[in-house]
């Protein structure tokens, strides 16, 4: 009887490695099928509330570059939070990691339309003996707001207190380099 048990034990050990290898192979095939059908179907994309980092180059419609962070630190912000102009902010939502995209931002979704009431003409005498030239930035004494001198003559100075990019369509080349999902 002891001899019969010994044979049973030897038989069990003889087949166990074969069964184990078959089970491992079946599980591996199931795992590959699961990953192929589930994980690649839904890449991580930017959603409202995500902390996002991007590289961008901003140009005017004529191709002139007005700003870029390429080769510098990426711009990091919370998508949909209003930290950036609306057209840019909304333009990155839905982008995938490492995706590049062109975002065109009309004035109403950027820095707004030009507000004519923010273009003022002041007497030249307000500046005393200071040298005033077109293109110079000046501050309002009332609220500290900066304005751009757009015209100067012997009696008057015209100053535009609109944001410098107001009234302009802006084109951004954007690449998403990091997405940290909101918790």
C-alpha atoms as a PDB file:
ATOM      1  CA  UNK A   1       0.000   0.000   0.000  1.00  0.00           C
ATOM      2  CA  UNK A   2       2.843   2.371   0.740  1.00  0.00           C
ATOM      3  CA  UNK A   3       4.120   1.641  -2.709  1.00  0.00           C
ATOM      4  CA  UNK A   4       0.802   2.668  -4.311  1.00  0.00           C
ATOM      5  CA  UNK A   5       0.817   6.054  -2.500  1.00  0.00           C
ATOM      6  CA  UNK A   6       4.341   6.646  -3.662  1.00  0.00           C
ATOM      7  CA  UNK A   7       3.250   6.098  -7.275  1.00  0.00           C
ATOM      8  CA  UNK A   8       0.316   8.475  -6.827  1.00  0.00           C
ATOM      9  CA  UNK A   9       2.584  11.147  -5.466  1.00  0.00           C
ATOM     10  CA  UNK A  10       4.987  10.735  -8.341  1.00  0.00           C
ATOM     11  CA  UNK A  11       2.151  10.922 -10.862  1.00  0.00           C
ATOM     12  CA  UNK A  12       0.737  14.117  -9.325  1.00  0.00           C
ATOM     13  CA  UNK A  13       4.102  15.883  -9.438  1.00  0.00           C
ATOM     14  CA  UNK A  14       4.748  14.717 -12.972  1.00  0.00           C
ATOM     15  CA  UNK A  15       1.631  16.449 -14.375  1.00  0.00           C
ATOM     16  CA  UNK A  16       1.532  19.572 -12.183  1.00  0.00           C
ATOM     17  CA  UNK A  17       4.148  21.617 -14.126  1.00  0.00           C
ATOM     18  CA  UNK A  18       2.325  20.934 -17.396  1.00  0.00           C
ATOM     19  CA  UNK A  19      -0.992  22.125 -15.962  1.00  0.00           C
ATOM     20  CA  UNK A  20       0.641  25.183 -14.410  1.00  0.00           C
ATOM     21  CA  UNK A  21       2.245  26.152 -17.728  1.00  0.00           C
ATOM     22  CA  UNK A  22      -1.099  25.791 -19.518  1.00  0.00           C
ATOM     23  CA  UNK A  23      -2.894  27.958 -16.930  1.00  0.00           C
ATOM     24  CA  UNK A  24      -0.185  30.647 -17.157  1.00  0.00           C
ATOM     25  CA  UNK A  25      -0.417  30.644 -20.952  1.00  0.00           C
ATOM     26  CA  UNK A  26      -4.214  30.972 -20.873  1.00  0.00           C
ATOM     27  CA  UNK A  27      -4.060  33.832 -18.340  1.00  0.00           C
ATOM     28  CA  UNK A  28      -1.435  35.607 -20.440  1.00  0.00           C
ATOM     29  CA  UNK A  29      -3.638  35.411 -23.539  1.00  0.00           C
ATOM     30  CA  UNK A  30      -6.649  36.700 -21.574  1.00  0.00           C
ATOM     31  CA  UNK A  31      -4.535  39.575 -20.194  1.00  0.00           C
ATOM     32  CA  UNK A  32      -3.308  40.598 -23.652  1.00  0.00           C
ATOM     33  CA  UNK A  33      -6.855  40.547 -25.025  1.00  0.00           C
ATOM     34  CA  UNK A  34      -8.105  42.656 -22.083  1.00  0.00           C
ATOM     35  CA  UNK A  35      -5.354  45.264 -22.475  1.00  0.00           C
ATOM     36  CA  UNK A  36      -5.841  45.451 -26.242  1.00  0.00           C
ATOM     37  CA  UNK A  37      -9.577  46.033 -25.940  1.00  0.00           C
ATOM     38  CA  UNK A  38      -9.694  48.297 -22.875  1.00  0.00           C
ATOM     39  CA  UNK A  39      -6.594  50.364 -22.096  1.00  0.00           C
ATOM     40  CA  UNK A  40      -5.750  51.735 -25.552  1.00  0.00           C
ATOM     41  CA  UNK A  41      -9.353  52.642 -26.350  1.00  0.00           C
ATOM     42  CA  UNK A  42      -9.464  55.537 -23.891  1.00  0.00           C
ATOM     43  CA  UNK A  43      -6.280  57.660 -23.819  1.00  0.00           C
ATOM     44  CA  UNK A  44      -5.968  60.244 -21.060  1.00  0.00           C
ATOM     45  CA  UNK A  45      -7.397  63.557 -22.247  1.00  0.00           C
ATOM     46  CA  UNK A  46      -7.632  66.982 -20.652  1.00  0.00           C
ATOM     47  CA  UNK A  47     -10.848  67.544 -18.693  1.00  0.00           C
ATOM     48  CA  UNK A  48     -12.108  70.529 -16.717  1.00  0.00           C
ATOM     49  CA  UNK A  49     -10.263  70.699 -13.401  1.00  0.00           C
ATOM     50  CA  UNK A  50      -7.133  68.858 -14.583  1.00  0.00           C
ATOM     51  CA  UNK A  51      -3.737  70.432 -13.958  1.00  0.00           C
ATOM     52  CA  UNK A  52      -2.259  70.748 -17.464  1.00  0.00           C
ATOM     53  CA  UNK A  53       1.171  71.717 -18.788  1.00  0.00           C
ATOM     54  CA  UNK A  54       1.593  72.899 -22.380  1.00  0.00           C
ATOM     55  CA  UNK A  55       4.110  74.375 -24.762  1.00  0.00           C
ATOM     56  CA  UNK A  56       2.672  77.039 -27.053  1.00  0.00           C
ATOM     57  CA  UNK A  57       3.551  79.558 -29.724  1.00  0.00           C
ATOM     58  CA  UNK A  58       1.123  82.426 -30.259  1.00  0.00           C
ATOM     59  CA  UNK A  59       0.954  84.213 -33.609  1.00  0.00           C
ATOM     60  CA  UNK A  60      -1.187  86.832 -35.263  1.00  0.00           C
ATOM     61  CA  UNK A  61      -3.058  85.949 -38.456  1.00  0.00           C
ATOM     62  CA  UNK A  62      -0.140  87.284 -40.531  1.00  0.00           C
ATOM     63  CA  UNK A  63       2.212  84.753 -38.870  1.00  0.00           C
ATOM     64  CA  UNK A  64       4.039  87.201 -36.589  1.00  0.00           C
ATOM     65  CA  UNK A  65       4.933  85.508 -33.291  1.00  0.00           C
ATOM     66  CA  UNK A  66       3.807  87.511 -30.246  1.00  0.00           C
ATOM     67  CA  UNK A  67       4.671  84.962 -27.536  1.00  0.00           C
ATOM     68  CA  UNK A  68       6.133  81.482 -27.068  1.00  0.00           C
ATOM     69  CA  UNK A  69       7.365  79.260 -24.255  1.00  0.00           C
ATOM     70  CA  UNK A  70       8.943  76.609 -26.490  1.00  0.00           C
ATOM     71  CA  UNK A  71      12.400  75.832 -25.122  1.00  0.00           C
ATOM     72  CA  UNK A  72      11.415  77.267 -21.731  1.00  0.00           C
ATOM     73  CA  UNK A  73       9.237  76.043 -18.860  1.00  0.00           C
ATOM     74  CA  UNK A  74       5.810  74.724 -19.925  1.00  0.00           C
ATOM     75  CA  UNK A  75       2.751  76.795 -19.036  1.00  0.00           C
ATOM     76  CA  UNK A  76       0.892  75.025 -16.222  1.00  0.00           C
ATOM     77  CA  UNK A  77      -2.739  75.807 -15.369  1.00  0.00           C
ATOM     78  CA  UNK A  78      -6.002  74.238 -14.275  1.00  0.00           C
ATOM     79  CA  UNK A  79      -8.156  73.567 -17.333  1.00  0.00           C
ATOM     80  CA  UNK A  80     -11.501  75.359 -17.322  1.00  0.00           C
ATOM     81  CA  UNK A  81     -10.643  77.491 -14.271  1.00  0.00           C
ATOM     82  CA  UNK A  82     -10.566  80.856 -16.048  1.00  0.00           C
ATOM     83  CA  UNK A  83      -6.853  81.369 -15.394  1.00  0.00           C
ATOM     84  CA  UNK A  84      -6.300  81.920 -19.125  1.00  0.00           C
ATOM     85  CA  UNK A  85      -8.239  83.548 -21.925  1.00  0.00           C
ATOM     86  CA  UNK A  86     -11.413  81.536 -22.630  1.00  0.00           C
ATOM     87  CA  UNK A  87     -10.543  80.436 -26.179  1.00  0.00           C
ATOM     88  CA  UNK A  88      -7.186  78.971 -25.147  1.00  0.00           C
ATOM     89  CA  UNK A  89      -8.594  77.431 -21.965  1.00  0.00           C
ATOM     90  CA  UNK A  90     -11.448  75.695 -23.806  1.00  0.00           C
ATOM     91  CA  UNK A  91      -9.203  74.769 -26.739  1.00  0.00           C
ATOM     92  CA  UNK A  92      -7.047  72.391 -24.689  1.00  0.00           C
ATOM     93  CA  UNK A  93     -10.009  70.498 -23.200  1.00  0.00           C
ATOM     94  CA  UNK A  94     -10.229  67.105 -24.893  1.00  0.00           C
ATOM     95  CA  UNK A  95      -6.587  67.105 -26.022  1.00  0.00           C
ATOM     96  CA  UNK A  96      -4.545  63.963 -25.322  1.00  0.00           C
ATOM     97  CA  UNK A  97      -1.102  63.767 -23.766  1.00  0.00           C
ATOM     98  CA  UNK A  98       1.598  64.714 -26.332  1.00  0.00           C
ATOM     99  CA  UNK A  99      -1.055  65.854 -28.822  1.00  0.00           C
ATOM    100  CA  UNK A 100      -0.372  69.032 -30.802  1.00  0.00           C
ATOM    101  CA  UNK A 101      -3.151  71.274 -32.050  1.00  0.00           C
ATOM    102  CA  UNK A 102      -3.778  74.682 -33.597  1.00  0.00           C
ATOM    103  CA  UNK A 103      -6.232  76.783 -31.585  1.00  0.00           C
ATOM    104  CA  UNK A 104      -7.668  79.899 -33.237  1.00  0.00           C
ATOM    105  CA  UNK A 105      -8.992  82.412 -30.719  1.00  0.00           C
ATOM    106  CA  UNK A 106     -11.260  85.213 -31.997  1.00  0.00           C
ATOM    107  CA  UNK A 107     -11.167  88.543 -30.072  1.00  0.00           C
ATOM    108  CA  UNK A 108     -14.333  87.800 -28.068  1.00  0.00           C
ATOM    109  CA  UNK A 109     -12.717  84.591 -26.699  1.00  0.00           C
ATOM    110  CA  UNK A 110      -9.341  86.283 -26.209  1.00  0.00           C
ATOM    111  CA  UNK A 111      -8.693  89.773 -24.904  1.00  0.00           C
ATOM    112  CA  UNK A 112     -11.968  91.225 -26.098  1.00  0.00           C
ATOM    113  CA  UNK A 113     -12.888  93.741 -28.742  1.00  0.00           C
ATOM    114  CA  UNK A 114     -11.278  97.158 -28.784  1.00  0.00           C
ATOM    115  CA  UNK A 115     -13.179  99.392 -26.360  1.00  0.00           C
ATOM    116  CA  UNK A 116     -13.146 102.901 -27.821  1.00  0.00           C
ATOM    117  CA  UNK A 117     -13.820 104.446 -24.415  1.00  0.00           C
ATOM    118  CA  UNK A 118     -10.386 103.177 -23.300  1.00  0.00           C
ATOM    119  CA  UNK A 119      -8.663 105.285 -25.967  1.00  0.00           C
ATOM    120  CA  UNK A 120      -8.199 108.742 -24.482  1.00  0.00           C
ATOM    121  CA  UNK A 121      -6.774 112.015 -25.688  1.00  0.00           C
ATOM    122  CA  UNK A 122      -5.047 114.103 -23.025  1.00  0.00           C
ATOM    123  CA  UNK A 123      -3.382 117.502 -23.273  1.00  0.00           C
ATOM    124  CA  UNK A 124       0.354 117.306 -24.002  1.00  0.00           C
ATOM    125  CA  UNK A 125       0.879 119.607 -21.016  1.00  0.00           C
ATOM    126  CA  UNK A 126      -0.075 116.759 -18.618  1.00  0.00           C
ATOM    127  CA  UNK A 127       3.378 115.297 -19.271  1.00  0.00           C
ATOM    128  CA  UNK A 128       5.265 118.529 -18.593  1.00  0.00           C
ATOM    129  CA  UNK A 129       8.721 118.476 -20.153  1.00  0.00           C
ATOM    130  CA  UNK A 130       8.843 114.667 -20.476  1.00  0.00           C
ATOM    131  CA  UNK A 131       9.707 113.270 -23.866  1.00  0.00           C
ATOM    132  CA  UNK A 132       6.645 111.385 -25.166  1.00  0.00           C
ATOM    133  CA  UNK A 133       6.830 109.164 -28.268  1.00  0.00           C
ATOM    134  CA  UNK A 134       4.498 106.790 -30.094  1.00  0.00           C
ATOM    135  CA  UNK A 135       4.879 103.240 -28.777  1.00  0.00           C
ATOM    136  CA  UNK A 136       5.768 104.370 -25.279  1.00  0.00           C
ATOM    137  CA  UNK A 137       3.941 102.806 -22.307  1.00  0.00           C
ATOM    138  CA  UNK A 138       2.502 105.229 -19.727  1.00  0.00           C
ATOM    139  CA  UNK A 139       0.594 104.698 -16.476  1.00  0.00           C
ATOM    140  CA  UNK A 140      -2.673 106.340 -15.570  1.00  0.00           C
ATOM    141  CA  UNK A 141      -2.346 108.392 -12.394  1.00  0.00           C
ATOM    142  CA  UNK A 142      -5.941 107.509 -11.469  1.00  0.00           C
ATOM    143  CA  UNK A 143      -5.759 103.691 -11.368  1.00  0.00           C
ATOM    144  CA  UNK A 144      -2.196 102.777 -12.339  1.00  0.00           C
ATOM    145  CA  UNK A 145      -3.377 101.092 -15.538  1.00  0.00           C
ATOM    146  CA  UNK A 146      -0.836 101.026 -18.374  1.00  0.00           C
ATOM    147  CA  UNK A 147      -1.589 102.418 -21.788  1.00  0.00           C
ATOM    148  CA  UNK A 148       0.159 102.622 -25.126  1.00  0.00           C
ATOM    149  CA  UNK A 149       0.851 106.029 -26.672  1.00  0.00           C
ATOM    150  CA  UNK A 150      -0.569 105.802 -30.198  1.00  0.00           C
ATOM    151  CA  UNK A 151      -0.297 109.430 -31.342  1.00  0.00           C
ATOM    152  CA  UNK A 152       1.525 112.596 -30.247  1.00  0.00           C
ATOM    153  CA  UNK A 153       1.274 116.134 -31.567  1.00  0.00           C
ATOM    154  CA  UNK A 154       2.106 119.586 -30.195  1.00  0.00           C
ATOM    155  CA  UNK A 155      -1.102 119.811 -28.157  1.00  0.00           C
ATOM    156  CA  UNK A 156      -2.381 116.280 -27.462  1.00  0.00           C
ATOM    157  CA  UNK A 157      -1.307 112.711 -26.676  1.00  0.00           C
ATOM    158  CA  UNK A 158      -3.533 109.736 -27.576  1.00  0.00           C
ATOM    159  CA  UNK A 159      -3.256 106.771 -25.200  1.00  0.00           C
ATOM    160  CA  UNK A 160      -4.850 103.343 -25.687  1.00  0.00           C
ATOM    161  CA  UNK A 161      -5.622 101.598 -22.372  1.00  0.00           C
ATOM    162  CA  UNK A 162      -7.040  98.456 -24.053  1.00  0.00           C
ATOM    163  CA  UNK A 163      -5.094  95.236 -23.504  1.00  0.00           C
ATOM    164  CA  UNK A 164      -2.377  95.093 -26.197  1.00  0.00           C
ATOM    165  CA  UNK A 165      -3.984  92.014 -27.809  1.00  0.00           C
ATOM    166  CA  UNK A 166      -7.566  93.347 -27.757  1.00  0.00           C
ATOM    167  CA  UNK A 167      -9.337  93.134 -31.097  1.00  0.00           C
ATOM    168  CA  UNK A 168      -6.903  90.599 -32.502  1.00  0.00           C
ATOM    169  CA  UNK A 169      -7.486  87.016 -33.632  1.00  0.00           C
ATOM    170  CA  UNK A 170      -4.806  84.875 -32.002  1.00  0.00           C
ATOM    171  CA  UNK A 171      -3.494  81.571 -33.302  1.00  0.00           C
ATOM    172  CA  UNK A 172      -1.785  79.169 -30.901  1.00  0.00           C
ATOM    173  CA  UNK A 173       0.237  76.057 -31.725  1.00  0.00           C
ATOM    174  CA  UNK A 174      -0.193  74.005 -28.530  1.00  0.00           C
ATOM    175  CA  UNK A 175       1.332  70.714 -27.345  1.00  0.00           C
ATOM    176  CA  UNK A 176       0.095  69.050 -24.146  1.00  0.00           C
ATOM    177  CA  UNK A 177       3.122  67.727 -22.208  1.00  0.00           C
ATOM    178  CA  UNK A 178       1.495  66.773 -18.877  1.00  0.00           C
ATOM    179  CA  UNK A 179      -1.987  66.000 -17.571  1.00  0.00           C
ATOM    180  CA  UNK A 180      -2.542  65.551 -13.857  1.00  0.00           C
ATOM    181  CA  UNK A 181      -6.115  64.411 -13.386  1.00  0.00           C
ATOM    182  CA  UNK A 182      -8.206  66.207 -10.794  1.00  0.00           C
ATOM    183  CA  UNK A 183      -8.828  64.234  -7.658  1.00  0.00           C
END
